[in-house]
């Protein structure tokens, strides 16, 4: 993976890439944490995509965060 002219040693492993340009992270935890948000932002930076969704099925109601970068 190339980012700003640097070859990254690690691959980014988003749960899903929808329509080739939306990062979709699916969780089943008690809440969406800042760590999940930071990871999604990193995925957006590396991929060049503009939109990420973090969807959490682990709460009583479906919860999600939309991140636009």
PDB file of N, CA and C in Angstrom:
ATOM      1  N   UNK A   1       0.851  -1.175   0.000  1.00  0.00           N
ATOM      2  CA  UNK A   1       0.000   0.000   0.000  1.00  0.00           C
ATOM      3  C   UNK A   1       0.890   1.229   0.000  1.00  0.00           C
ATOM      4  N   UNK A   2       0.607   2.159  -0.889  1.00  0.00           N
ATOM      5  CA  UNK A   2       1.371   3.395  -1.013  1.00  0.00           C
ATOM      6  C   UNK A   2       0.569   4.539  -0.402  1.00  0.00           C
ATOM      7  N   UNK A   3       1.211   5.314   0.478  1.00  0.00           N
ATOM      8  CA  UNK A   3       0.560   6.477   1.081  1.00  0.00           C
ATOM      9  C   UNK A   3       1.526   7.645   1.053  1.00  0.00           C
ATOM     10  N   UNK A   4       1.197   8.680   0.315  1.00  0.00           N
ATOM     11  CA  UNK A   4       2.017   9.886   0.189  1.00  0.00           C
ATOM     12  C   UNK A   4       3.456   9.555  -0.185  1.00  0.00           C
ATOM     13  N   UNK A   5       3.625   8.629  -1.119  1.00  0.00           N
ATOM     14  CA  UNK A   5       4.945   8.291  -1.603  1.00  0.00           C
ATOM     15  C   UNK A   5       5.715   7.308  -0.742  1.00  0.00           C
ATOM     16  N   UNK A   6       5.095   6.822   0.335  1.00  0.00           N
ATOM     17  CA  UNK A   6       5.744   5.858   1.213  1.00  0.00           C
ATOM     18  C   UNK A   6       5.031   4.517   1.107  1.00  0.00           C
ATOM     19  N   UNK A   7       5.807   3.459   1.013  1.00  0.00           N
ATOM     20  CA  UNK A   7       5.232   2.120   0.995  1.00  0.00           C
ATOM     21  C   UNK A   7       4.965   1.700   2.437  1.00  0.00           C
ATOM     22  N   UNK A   8       3.721   1.395   2.749  1.00  0.00           N
ATOM     23  CA  UNK A   8       3.353   0.970   4.099  1.00  0.00           C
ATOM     24  C   UNK A   8       3.572  -0.526   4.244  1.00  0.00           C
ATOM     25  N   UNK A   9       4.098  -0.919   5.394  1.00  0.00           N
ATOM     26  CA  UNK A   9       4.379  -2.325   5.640  1.00  0.00           C
ATOM     27  C   UNK A   9       3.102  -3.122   5.903  1.00  0.00           C
ATOM     28  N   UNK A  10       2.109  -2.466   6.460  1.00  0.00           N
ATOM     29  CA  UNK A  10       0.882  -3.152   6.847  1.00  0.00           C
ATOM     30  C   UNK A  10      -0.232  -2.865   5.847  1.00  0.00           C
ATOM     31  N   UNK A  11      -1.056  -3.841   5.633  1.00  0.00           N
ATOM     32  CA  UNK A  11      -2.241  -3.641   4.808  1.00  0.00           C
ATOM     33  C   UNK A  11      -3.361  -3.138   5.702  1.00  0.00           C
ATOM     34  N   UNK A  12      -4.242  -2.341   5.148  1.00  0.00           N
ATOM     35  CA  UNK A  12      -5.414  -1.995   5.938  1.00  0.00           C
ATOM     36  C   UNK A  12      -6.502  -3.001   5.611  1.00  0.00           C
ATOM     37  N   UNK A  13      -7.193  -3.441   6.631  1.00  0.00           N
ATOM     38  CA  UNK A  13      -8.183  -4.502   6.465  1.00  0.00           C
ATOM     39  C   UNK A  13      -9.552  -4.023   6.942  1.00  0.00           C
ATOM     40  N   UNK A  14     -10.182  -3.220   6.135  1.00  0.00           N
ATOM     41  CA  UNK A  14     -11.541  -2.792   6.463  1.00  0.00           C
ATOM     42  C   UNK A  14     -12.459  -4.005   6.375  1.00  0.00           C
ATOM     43  N   UNK A  15     -13.517  -3.994   7.177  1.00  0.00           N
ATOM     44  CA  UNK A  15     -14.464  -5.107   7.127  1.00  0.00           C
ATOM     45  C   UNK A  15     -15.052  -5.240   5.723  1.00  0.00           C
ATOM     46  N   UNK A  16     -15.521  -4.123   5.169  1.00  0.00           N
ATOM     47  CA  UNK A  16     -16.097  -4.122   3.826  1.00  0.00           C
ATOM     48  C   UNK A  16     -15.766  -2.806   3.135  1.00  0.00           C
ATOM     49  N   UNK A  17     -15.680  -2.846   1.824  1.00  0.00           N
ATOM     50  CA  UNK A  17     -15.621  -1.639   1.004  1.00  0.00           C
ATOM     51  C   UNK A  17     -16.835  -1.728   0.077  1.00  0.00           C
ATOM     52  N   UNK A  18     -17.763  -0.796   0.257  1.00  0.00           N
ATOM     53  CA  UNK A  18     -19.040  -0.830  -0.448  1.00  0.00           C
ATOM     54  C   UNK A  18     -18.971   0.092  -1.658  1.00  0.00           C
ATOM     55  N   UNK A  19     -19.394  -0.413  -2.811  1.00  0.00           N
ATOM     56  CA  UNK A  19     -19.400   0.343  -4.067  1.00  0.00           C
ATOM     57  C   UNK A  19     -18.012   0.890  -4.404  1.00  0.00           C
ATOM     58  N   UNK A  20     -16.980   0.279  -3.861  1.00  0.00           N
ATOM     59  CA  UNK A  20     -15.617   0.672  -4.160  1.00  0.00           C
ATOM     60  C   UNK A  20     -15.140   1.938  -3.488  1.00  0.00           C
ATOM     61  N   UNK A  21     -16.014   2.625  -2.727  1.00  0.00           N
ATOM     62  CA  UNK A  21     -15.551   3.880  -2.132  1.00  0.00           C
ATOM     63  C   UNK A  21     -16.108   4.198  -0.743  1.00  0.00           C
ATOM     64  N   UNK A  22     -16.831   3.299  -0.120  1.00  0.00           N
ATOM     65  CA  UNK A  22     -17.339   3.520   1.236  1.00  0.00           C
ATOM     66  C   UNK A  22     -16.754   2.440   2.141  1.00  0.00           C
ATOM     67  N   UNK A  23     -16.063   2.865   3.192  1.00  0.00           N
ATOM     68  CA  UNK A  23     -15.518   1.932   4.170  1.00  0.00           C
ATOM     69  C   UNK A  23     -16.642   1.591   5.149  1.00  0.00           C
ATOM     70  N   UNK A  24     -16.909   0.312   5.346  1.00  0.00           N
ATOM     71  CA  UNK A  24     -17.948  -0.134   6.272  1.00  0.00           C
ATOM     72  C   UNK A  24     -17.309  -1.024   7.325  1.00  0.00           C
ATOM     73  N   UNK A  25     -17.385  -0.570   8.567  1.00  0.00           N
ATOM     74  CA  UNK A  25     -16.887  -1.353   9.691  1.00  0.00           C
ATOM     75  C   UNK A  25     -18.094  -1.836  10.482  1.00  0.00           C
ATOM     76  N   UNK A  26     -18.173  -3.141  10.691  1.00  0.00           N
ATOM     77  CA  UNK A  26     -19.302  -3.749  11.395  1.00  0.00           C
ATOM     78  C   UNK A  26     -18.815  -4.223  12.756  1.00  0.00           C
ATOM     79  N   UNK A  27     -19.517  -3.811  13.809  1.00  0.00           N
ATOM     80  CA  UNK A  27     -19.131  -4.153  15.175  1.00  0.00           C
ATOM     81  C   UNK A  27     -20.298  -4.810  15.896  1.00  0.00           C
ATOM     82  N   UNK A  28     -19.953  -5.524  16.952  1.00  0.00           N
ATOM     83  CA  UNK A  28     -20.948  -6.126  17.843  1.00  0.00           C
ATOM     84  C   UNK A  28     -20.473  -5.949  19.274  1.00  0.00           C
ATOM     85  N   UNK A  29     -20.321  -4.694  19.696  1.00  0.00           N
ATOM     86  CA  UNK A  29     -19.761  -4.361  21.002  1.00  0.00           C
ATOM     87  C   UNK A  29     -20.730  -3.460  21.774  1.00  0.00           C
ATOM     88  N   UNK A  30     -20.389  -3.168  23.028  1.00  0.00           N
ATOM     89  CA  UNK A  30     -21.300  -2.385  23.862  1.00  0.00           C
ATOM     90  C   UNK A  30     -21.357  -0.914  23.461  1.00  0.00           C
ATOM     91  N   UNK A  31     -20.393  -0.438  22.685  1.00  0.00           N
ATOM     92  CA  UNK A  31     -20.418   0.947  22.239  1.00  0.00           C
ATOM     93  C   UNK A  31     -19.310   1.221  21.237  1.00  0.00           C
ATOM     94  N   UNK A  32     -19.509   2.247  20.429  1.00  0.00           N
ATOM     95  CA  UNK A  32     -18.502   2.661  19.456  1.00  0.00           C
ATOM     96  C   UNK A  32     -17.488   3.530  20.191  1.00  0.00           C
ATOM     97  N   UNK A  33     -16.223   3.127  20.148  1.00  0.00           N
ATOM     98  CA  UNK A  33     -15.184   3.840  20.877  1.00  0.00           C
ATOM     99  C   UNK A  33     -14.403   4.769  19.962  1.00  0.00           C
ATOM    100  N   UNK A  34     -13.619   5.651  20.591  1.00  0.00           N
ATOM    101  CA  UNK A  34     -12.750   6.548  19.825  1.00  0.00           C
ATOM    102  C   UNK A  34     -11.736   5.759  19.004  1.00  0.00           C
ATOM    103  N   UNK A  35     -11.335   4.587  19.489  1.00  0.00           N
ATOM    104  CA  UNK A  35     -10.385   3.736  18.752  1.00  0.00           C
ATOM    105  C   UNK A  35     -10.975   3.305  17.413  1.00  0.00           C
ATOM    106  N   UNK A  36     -12.245   2.931  17.387  1.00  0.00           N
ATOM    107  CA  UNK A  36     -12.901   2.533  16.140  1.00  0.00           C
ATOM    108  C   UNK A  36     -12.962   3.709  15.166  1.00  0.00           C
ATOM    109  N   UNK A  37     -13.248   4.888  15.694  1.00  0.00           N
ATOM    110  CA  UNK A  37     -13.341   6.083  14.860  1.00  0.00           C
ATOM    111  C   UNK A  37     -11.965   6.423  14.279  1.00  0.00           C
ATOM    112  N   UNK A  38     -10.925   6.364  15.130  1.00  0.00           N
ATOM    113  CA  UNK A  38      -9.566   6.656  14.665  1.00  0.00           C
ATOM    114  C   UNK A  38      -9.137   5.669  13.584  1.00  0.00           C
ATOM    115  N   UNK A  39      -9.472   4.406  13.762  1.00  0.00           N
ATOM    116  CA  UNK A  39      -9.113   3.389  12.769  1.00  0.00           C
ATOM    117  C   UNK A  39      -9.807   3.671  11.445  1.00  0.00           C
ATOM    118  N   UNK A  40     -11.088   4.045  11.509  1.00  0.00           N
ATOM    119  CA  UNK A  40     -11.835   4.351  10.285  1.00  0.00           C
ATOM    120  C   UNK A  40     -11.231   5.563   9.570  1.00  0.00           C
ATOM    121  N   UNK A  41     -10.820   6.574  10.323  1.00  0.00           N
ATOM    122  CA  UNK A  41     -10.182   7.747   9.721  1.00  0.00           C
ATOM    123  C   UNK A  41      -8.879   7.342   9.046  1.00  0.00           C
ATOM    124  N   UNK A  42      -8.109   6.478   9.696  1.00  0.00           N
ATOM    125  CA  UNK A  42      -6.871   5.990   9.069  1.00  0.00           C
ATOM    126  C   UNK A  42      -7.164   5.241   7.781  1.00  0.00           C
ATOM    127  N   UNK A  43      -8.201   4.409   7.774  1.00  0.00           N
ATOM    128  CA  UNK A  43      -8.586   3.698   6.557  1.00  0.00           C
ATOM    129  C   UNK A  43      -8.933   4.677   5.448  1.00  0.00           C
ATOM    130  N   UNK A  44      -9.626   5.755   5.803  1.00  0.00           N
ATOM    131  CA  UNK A  44      -9.987   6.759   4.798  1.00  0.00           C
ATOM    132  C   UNK A  44      -8.743   7.442   4.246  1.00  0.00           C
ATOM    133  N   UNK A  45      -7.816   7.799   5.117  1.00  0.00           N
ATOM    134  CA  UNK A  45      -6.583   8.448   4.670  1.00  0.00           C
ATOM    135  C   UNK A  45      -5.806   7.558   3.711  1.00  0.00           C
ATOM    136  N   UNK A  46      -5.648   6.307   4.074  1.00  0.00           N
ATOM    137  CA  UNK A  46      -4.847   5.389   3.265  1.00  0.00           C
ATOM    138  C   UNK A  46      -5.523   5.065   1.946  1.00  0.00           C
ATOM    139  N   UNK A  47      -6.833   4.892   1.976  1.00  0.00           N
ATOM    140  CA  UNK A  47      -7.551   4.471   0.766  1.00  0.00           C
ATOM    141  C   UNK A  47      -7.881   5.621  -0.170  1.00  0.00           C
ATOM    142  N   UNK A  48      -7.925   6.836   0.367  1.00  0.00           N
ATOM    143  CA  UNK A  48      -8.336   7.975  -0.450  1.00  0.00           C
ATOM    144  C   UNK A  48      -9.848   8.110  -0.538  1.00  0.00           C
ATOM    145  N   UNK A  49     -10.582   7.249   0.146  1.00  0.00           N
ATOM    146  CA  UNK A  49     -12.039   7.344   0.163  1.00  0.00           C
ATOM    147  C   UNK A  49     -12.471   8.489   1.067  1.00  0.00           C
ATOM    148  N   UNK A  50     -13.722   8.895   0.948  1.00  0.00           N
ATOM    149  CA  UNK A  50     -14.225  10.055   1.686  1.00  0.00           C
ATOM    150  C   UNK A  50     -15.238   9.714   2.779  1.00  0.00           C
ATOM    151  N   UNK A  51     -15.813   8.516   2.749  1.00  0.00           N
ATOM    152  CA  UNK A  51     -16.888   8.181   3.684  1.00  0.00           C
ATOM    153  C   UNK A  51     -16.641   6.832   4.347  1.00  0.00           C
ATOM    154  N   UNK A  52     -16.817   6.810   5.670  1.00  0.00           N
ATOM    155  CA  UNK A  52     -16.751   5.554   6.420  1.00  0.00           C
ATOM    156  C   UNK A  52     -17.974   5.460   7.317  1.00  0.00           C
ATOM    157  N   UNK A  53     -18.499   4.267   7.450  1.00  0.00           N
ATOM    158  CA  UNK A  53     -19.603   3.994   8.364  1.00  0.00           C
ATOM    159  C   UNK A  53     -19.151   2.939   9.360  1.00  0.00           C
ATOM    160  N   UNK A  54     -19.387   3.207  10.638  1.00  0.00           N
ATOM    161  CA  UNK A  54     -19.159   2.218  11.683  1.00  0.00           C
ATOM    162  C   UNK A  54     -20.546   1.842  12.187  1.00  0.00           C
ATOM    163  N   UNK A  55     -20.928   0.599  11.991  1.00  0.00           N
ATOM    164  CA  UNK A  55     -22.262   0.129  12.376  1.00  0.00           C
ATOM    165  C   UNK A  55     -22.097  -0.870  13.508  1.00  0.00           C
ATOM    166  N   UNK A  56     -22.797  -0.615  14.615  1.00  0.00           N
ATOM    167  CA  UNK A  56     -22.680  -1.465  15.801  1.00  0.00           C
ATOM    168  C   UNK A  56     -24.012  -2.151  16.093  1.00  0.00           C
ATOM    169  N   UNK A  57     -23.979  -3.478  16.059  1.00  0.00           N
ATOM    170  CA  UNK A  57     -25.168  -4.283  16.350  1.00  0.00           C
ATOM    171  C   UNK A  57     -25.178  -4.782  17.787  1.00  0.00           C
ATOM    172  N   UNK A  58     -24.212  -4.372  18.629  1.00  0.00           N
ATOM    173  CA  UNK A  58     -24.074  -4.903  19.980  1.00  0.00           C
ATOM    174  C   UNK A  58     -24.861  -4.163  21.035  1.00  0.00           C
ATOM    175  N   UNK A  59     -25.605  -3.155  20.662  1.00  0.00           N
ATOM    176  CA  UNK A  59     -26.403  -2.397  21.622  1.00  0.00           C
ATOM    177  C   UNK A  59     -27.882  -2.751  21.439  1.00  0.00           C
ATOM    178  N   UNK A  60     -28.717  -2.279  22.345  1.00  0.00           N
ATOM    179  CA  UNK A  60     -30.141  -2.599  22.232  1.00  0.00           C
ATOM    180  C   UNK A  60     -30.739  -2.091  20.932  1.00  0.00           C
ATOM    181  N   UNK A  61     -30.289  -0.939  20.488  1.00  0.00           N
ATOM    182  CA  UNK A  61     -30.724  -0.375  19.209  1.00  0.00           C
ATOM    183  C   UNK A  61     -29.509  -0.280  18.302  1.00  0.00           C
ATOM    184  N   UNK A  62     -29.740  -0.375  17.028  1.00  0.00           N
ATOM    185  CA  UNK A  62     -28.665  -0.217  16.060  1.00  0.00           C
ATOM    186  C   UNK A  62     -28.045   1.162  16.216  1.00  0.00           C
ATOM    187  N   UNK A  63     -26.733   1.207  16.310  1.00  0.00           N
ATOM    188  CA  UNK A  63     -26.023   2.471  16.465  1.00  0.00           C
ATOM    189  C   UNK A  63     -24.995   2.584  15.339  1.00  0.00           C
ATOM    190  N   UNK A  64     -24.788   3.790  14.837  1.00  0.00           N
ATOM    191  CA  UNK A  64     -23.802   3.958  13.782  1.00  0.00           C
ATOM    192  C   UNK A  64     -23.167   5.336  13.876  1.00  0.00           C
ATOM    193  N   UNK A  65     -21.976   5.440  13.302  1.00  0.00           N
ATOM    194  CA  UNK A  65     -21.273   6.715  13.164  1.00  0.00           C
ATOM    195  C   UNK A  65     -20.927   6.876  11.694  1.00  0.00           C
ATOM    196  N   UNK A  66     -21.142   8.052  11.190  1.00  0.00           N
ATOM    197  CA  UNK A  66     -20.773   8.379   9.815  1.00  0.00           C
ATOM    198  C   UNK A  66     -19.576   9.306   9.889  1.00  0.00           C
ATOM    199  N   UNK A  67     -18.506   8.957   9.183  1.00  0.00           N
ATOM    200  CA  UNK A  67     -17.291   9.752   9.209  1.00  0.00           C
ATOM    201  C   UNK A  67     -17.001  10.197   7.785  1.00  0.00           C
ATOM    202  N   UNK A  68     -16.914  11.496   7.597  1.00  0.00           N
ATOM    203  CA  UNK A  68     -16.585  12.065   6.289  1.00  0.00           C
ATOM    204  C   UNK A  68     -15.219  12.697   6.419  1.00  0.00           C
ATOM    205  N   UNK A  69     -14.310  12.319   5.541  1.00  0.00           N
ATOM    206  CA  UNK A  69     -12.939  12.840   5.618  1.00  0.00           C
ATOM    207  C   UNK A  69     -12.565  13.501   4.319  1.00  0.00           C
TER     208      UNK A  69
END
